[in-house]
Amino acid sequence: MARVKHIALVQFKADTTPEQIDQVFSALLDLSESIPGVEDFISGPNNSTEGLSGGHTHAFVMTLTDAAARDAYLTHTEHQAFVAWALPLIEKVTVVDFEL
């Protein structure tokens, strides 16, 4: 079974505060430590100078043990609660997954 990289590019709404953004990524870190199958999590603000971000302001990457762990993460009740809480702060999100 191949590990899965789960990548999300996020654009927060203009009125989202830095504190709210910090809370979003803190909550994601907590999820990564509490939901089985998540091997690692890293996040940060975009600092690319290429001008190709498409408006995305932040990104995060998770490594999951396999596609089944990814699918379980996505449907986990804690993840679903996080999405319901965080989505009103987000203008757009792009997600790409790939196997290693």
C-alpha atoms as a PDB file:
ATOM      1  CA  MET A   1       0.000   0.000   0.000  1.00  0.00           C
ATOM      2  CA  ALA A   2       1.260   3.433  -0.944  1.00  0.00           C
ATOM      3  CA  ARG A   3       1.297   6.393   1.393  1.00  0.00           C
ATOM      4  CA  VAL A   4      -0.843   9.375   0.309  1.00  0.00           C
ATOM      5  CA  LYS A   5       0.073  13.061   0.284  1.00  0.00           C
ATOM      6  CA  HIS A   6      -3.001  15.208   0.942  1.00  0.00           C
ATOM      7  CA  ILE A   7      -2.367  18.798  -0.181  1.00  0.00           C
ATOM      8  CA  ALA A   8      -4.753  21.712   0.333  1.00  0.00           C
ATOM      9  CA  LEU A   9      -4.308  25.244  -0.985  1.00  0.00           C
ATOM     10  CA  VAL A  10      -6.487  27.719   0.883  1.00  0.00           C
ATOM     11  CA  GLN A  11      -7.652  31.272   0.279  1.00  0.00           C
ATOM     12  CA  PHE A  12      -9.205  32.782   3.383  1.00  0.00           C
ATOM     13  CA  LYS A  13     -11.957  35.389   3.112  1.00  0.00           C
ATOM     14  CA  ALA A  14     -10.702  38.972   3.302  1.00  0.00           C
ATOM     15  CA  ASP A  15     -12.287  39.540   6.725  1.00  0.00           C
ATOM     16  CA  THR A  16     -10.733  36.445   8.314  1.00  0.00           C
ATOM     17  CA  THR A  17      -8.416  37.576  11.108  1.00  0.00           C
ATOM     18  CA  PRO A  18      -4.877  36.281  11.649  1.00  0.00           C
ATOM     19  CA  GLU A  19      -6.106  34.782  14.928  1.00  0.00           C
ATOM     20  CA  GLN A  20      -8.827  32.838  13.107  1.00  0.00           C
ATOM     21  CA  ILE A  21      -6.293  31.584  10.567  1.00  0.00           C
ATOM     22  CA  ASP A  22      -4.038  30.441  13.413  1.00  0.00           C
ATOM     23  CA  GLN A  23      -7.020  28.654  14.983  1.00  0.00           C
ATOM     24  CA  VAL A  24      -7.744  26.832  11.714  1.00  0.00           C
ATOM     25  CA  PHE A  25      -4.206  25.497  11.427  1.00  0.00           C
ATOM     26  CA  SER A  26      -4.035  24.679  15.137  1.00  0.00           C
ATOM     27  CA  ALA A  27      -7.243  22.671  14.781  1.00  0.00           C
ATOM     28  CA  LEU A  28      -5.800  20.857  11.750  1.00  0.00           C
ATOM     29  CA  LEU A  29      -2.676  20.011  13.727  1.00  0.00           C
ATOM     30  CA  ASP A  30      -4.878  18.615  16.509  1.00  0.00           C
ATOM     31  CA  LEU A  31      -6.759  16.516  13.945  1.00  0.00           C
ATOM     32  CA  SER A  32      -3.518  15.198  12.508  1.00  0.00           C
ATOM     33  CA  GLU A  33      -2.493  14.044  15.987  1.00  0.00           C
ATOM     34  CA  SER A  34      -5.817  12.472  16.935  1.00  0.00           C
ATOM     35  CA  ILE A  35      -7.082  10.737  13.788  1.00  0.00           C
ATOM     36  CA  PRO A  36      -5.435   7.389  13.037  1.00  0.00           C
ATOM     37  CA  GLY A  37      -3.443   7.067   9.825  1.00  0.00           C
ATOM     38  CA  VAL A  38      -2.063  10.604   9.681  1.00  0.00           C
ATOM     39  CA  GLU A  39       1.731  10.359   9.720  1.00  0.00           C
ATOM     40  CA  ASP A  40       2.620  14.033   9.525  1.00  0.00           C
ATOM     41  CA  PHE A  41       1.226  17.516   8.993  1.00  0.00           C
ATOM     42  CA  ILE A  42       2.845  20.777   7.909  1.00  0.00           C
ATOM     43  CA  SER A  43       1.288  24.133   7.040  1.00  0.00           C
ATOM     44  CA  GLY A  44       2.129  27.747   6.360  1.00  0.00           C
ATOM     45  CA  PRO A  45       1.352  30.951   4.510  1.00  0.00           C
ATOM     46  CA  ASN A  46       2.167  31.281   0.833  1.00  0.00           C
ATOM     47  CA  ASN A  47       5.423  33.135   0.209  1.00  0.00           C
ATOM     48  CA  SER A  48       5.980  32.262  -3.445  1.00  0.00           C
ATOM     49  CA  THR A  49       7.316  35.042  -5.641  1.00  0.00           C
ATOM     50  CA  GLU A  50       6.167  33.373  -8.882  1.00  0.00           C
ATOM     51  CA  GLY A  51       2.716  34.971  -8.906  1.00  0.00           C
ATOM     52  CA  LEU A  52       1.051  31.632  -9.646  1.00  0.00           C
ATOM     53  CA  SER A  53      -0.836  31.099  -6.373  1.00  0.00           C
ATOM     54  CA  GLY A  54      -4.246  31.701  -7.907  1.00  0.00           C
ATOM     55  CA  GLY A  55      -5.204  33.704  -4.835  1.00  0.00           C
ATOM     56  CA  HIS A  56      -4.359  30.939  -2.377  1.00  0.00           C
ATOM     57  CA  THR A  57      -2.871  32.444   0.779  1.00  0.00           C
ATOM     58  CA  HIS A  58      -1.970  29.321   2.779  1.00  0.00           C
ATOM     59  CA  ALA A  59      -1.292  25.627   2.285  1.00  0.00           C
ATOM     60  CA  PHE A  60      -1.030  22.414   4.231  1.00  0.00           C
ATOM     61  CA  VAL A  61       0.262  18.948   3.485  1.00  0.00           C
ATOM     62  CA  MET A  62      -0.571  15.723   5.306  1.00  0.00           C
ATOM     63  CA  THR A  63       0.953  12.330   4.784  1.00  0.00           C
ATOM     64  CA  LEU A  64      -1.412   9.436   5.407  1.00  0.00           C
ATOM     65  CA  THR A  65      -0.510   5.773   5.639  1.00  0.00           C
ATOM     66  CA  ASP A  66      -2.611   4.847   2.594  1.00  0.00           C
ATOM     67  CA  ALA A  67      -5.733   5.731   0.611  1.00  0.00           C
ATOM     68  CA  ALA A  68      -7.956   3.929   3.122  1.00  0.00           C
ATOM     69  CA  ALA A  69      -6.553   6.112   5.928  1.00  0.00           C
ATOM     70  CA  ARG A  70      -7.182   9.196   3.783  1.00  0.00           C
ATOM     71  CA  ASP A  71     -10.766   8.138   3.151  1.00  0.00           C
ATOM     72  CA  ALA A  72     -11.285   7.436   6.866  1.00  0.00           C
ATOM     73  CA  TYR A  73      -9.803  10.845   7.736  1.00  0.00           C
ATOM     74  CA  LEU A  74     -12.127  12.651   5.326  1.00  0.00           C
ATOM     75  CA  THR A  75     -15.243  10.990   6.750  1.00  0.00           C
ATOM     76  CA  HIS A  76     -14.127  11.071  10.410  1.00  0.00           C
ATOM     77  CA  THR A  77     -16.622  12.924  12.624  1.00  0.00           C
ATOM     78  CA  GLU A  78     -13.899  15.228  14.001  1.00  0.00           C
ATOM     79  CA  HIS A  79     -12.845  16.187  10.466  1.00  0.00           C
ATOM     80  CA  GLN A  80     -16.442  16.786   9.441  1.00  0.00           C
ATOM     81  CA  ALA A  81     -16.953  19.056  12.469  1.00  0.00           C
ATOM     82  CA  PHE A  82     -13.768  20.937  11.576  1.00  0.00           C
ATOM     83  CA  VAL A  83     -14.944  21.473   7.986  1.00  0.00           C
ATOM     84  CA  ALA A  84     -18.322  22.803   9.162  1.00  0.00           C
ATOM     85  CA  TRP A  85     -16.551  25.229  11.522  1.00  0.00           C
ATOM     86  CA  ALA A  86     -13.739  26.373   9.171  1.00  0.00           C
ATOM     87  CA  LEU A  87     -15.512  26.567   5.813  1.00  0.00           C
ATOM     88  CA  PRO A  88     -17.273  29.894   6.553  1.00  0.00           C
ATOM     89  CA  LEU A  89     -13.793  31.481   6.880  1.00  0.00           C
ATOM     90  CA  ILE A  90     -12.590  30.180   3.515  1.00  0.00           C
ATOM     91  CA  GLU A  91     -13.078  31.808   0.128  1.00  0.00           C
ATOM     92  CA  LYS A  92     -11.771  28.804  -1.817  1.00  0.00           C
ATOM     93  CA  VAL A  93      -9.819  25.634  -1.305  1.00  0.00           C
ATOM     94  CA  THR A  94      -8.099  23.347  -3.793  1.00  0.00           C
ATOM     95  CA  VAL A  95      -7.234  19.796  -2.740  1.00  0.00           C
ATOM     96  CA  VAL A  96      -4.917  17.386  -4.532  1.00  0.00           C
ATOM     97  CA  ASP A  97      -3.902  13.939  -3.323  1.00  0.00           C
ATOM     98  CA  PHE A  98      -1.292  11.600  -4.757  1.00  0.00           C
ATOM     99  CA  GLU A  99       0.261   8.293  -3.832  1.00  0.00           C
ATOM    100  CA  LEU A 100       3.954   7.969  -3.040  1.00  0.00           C
END
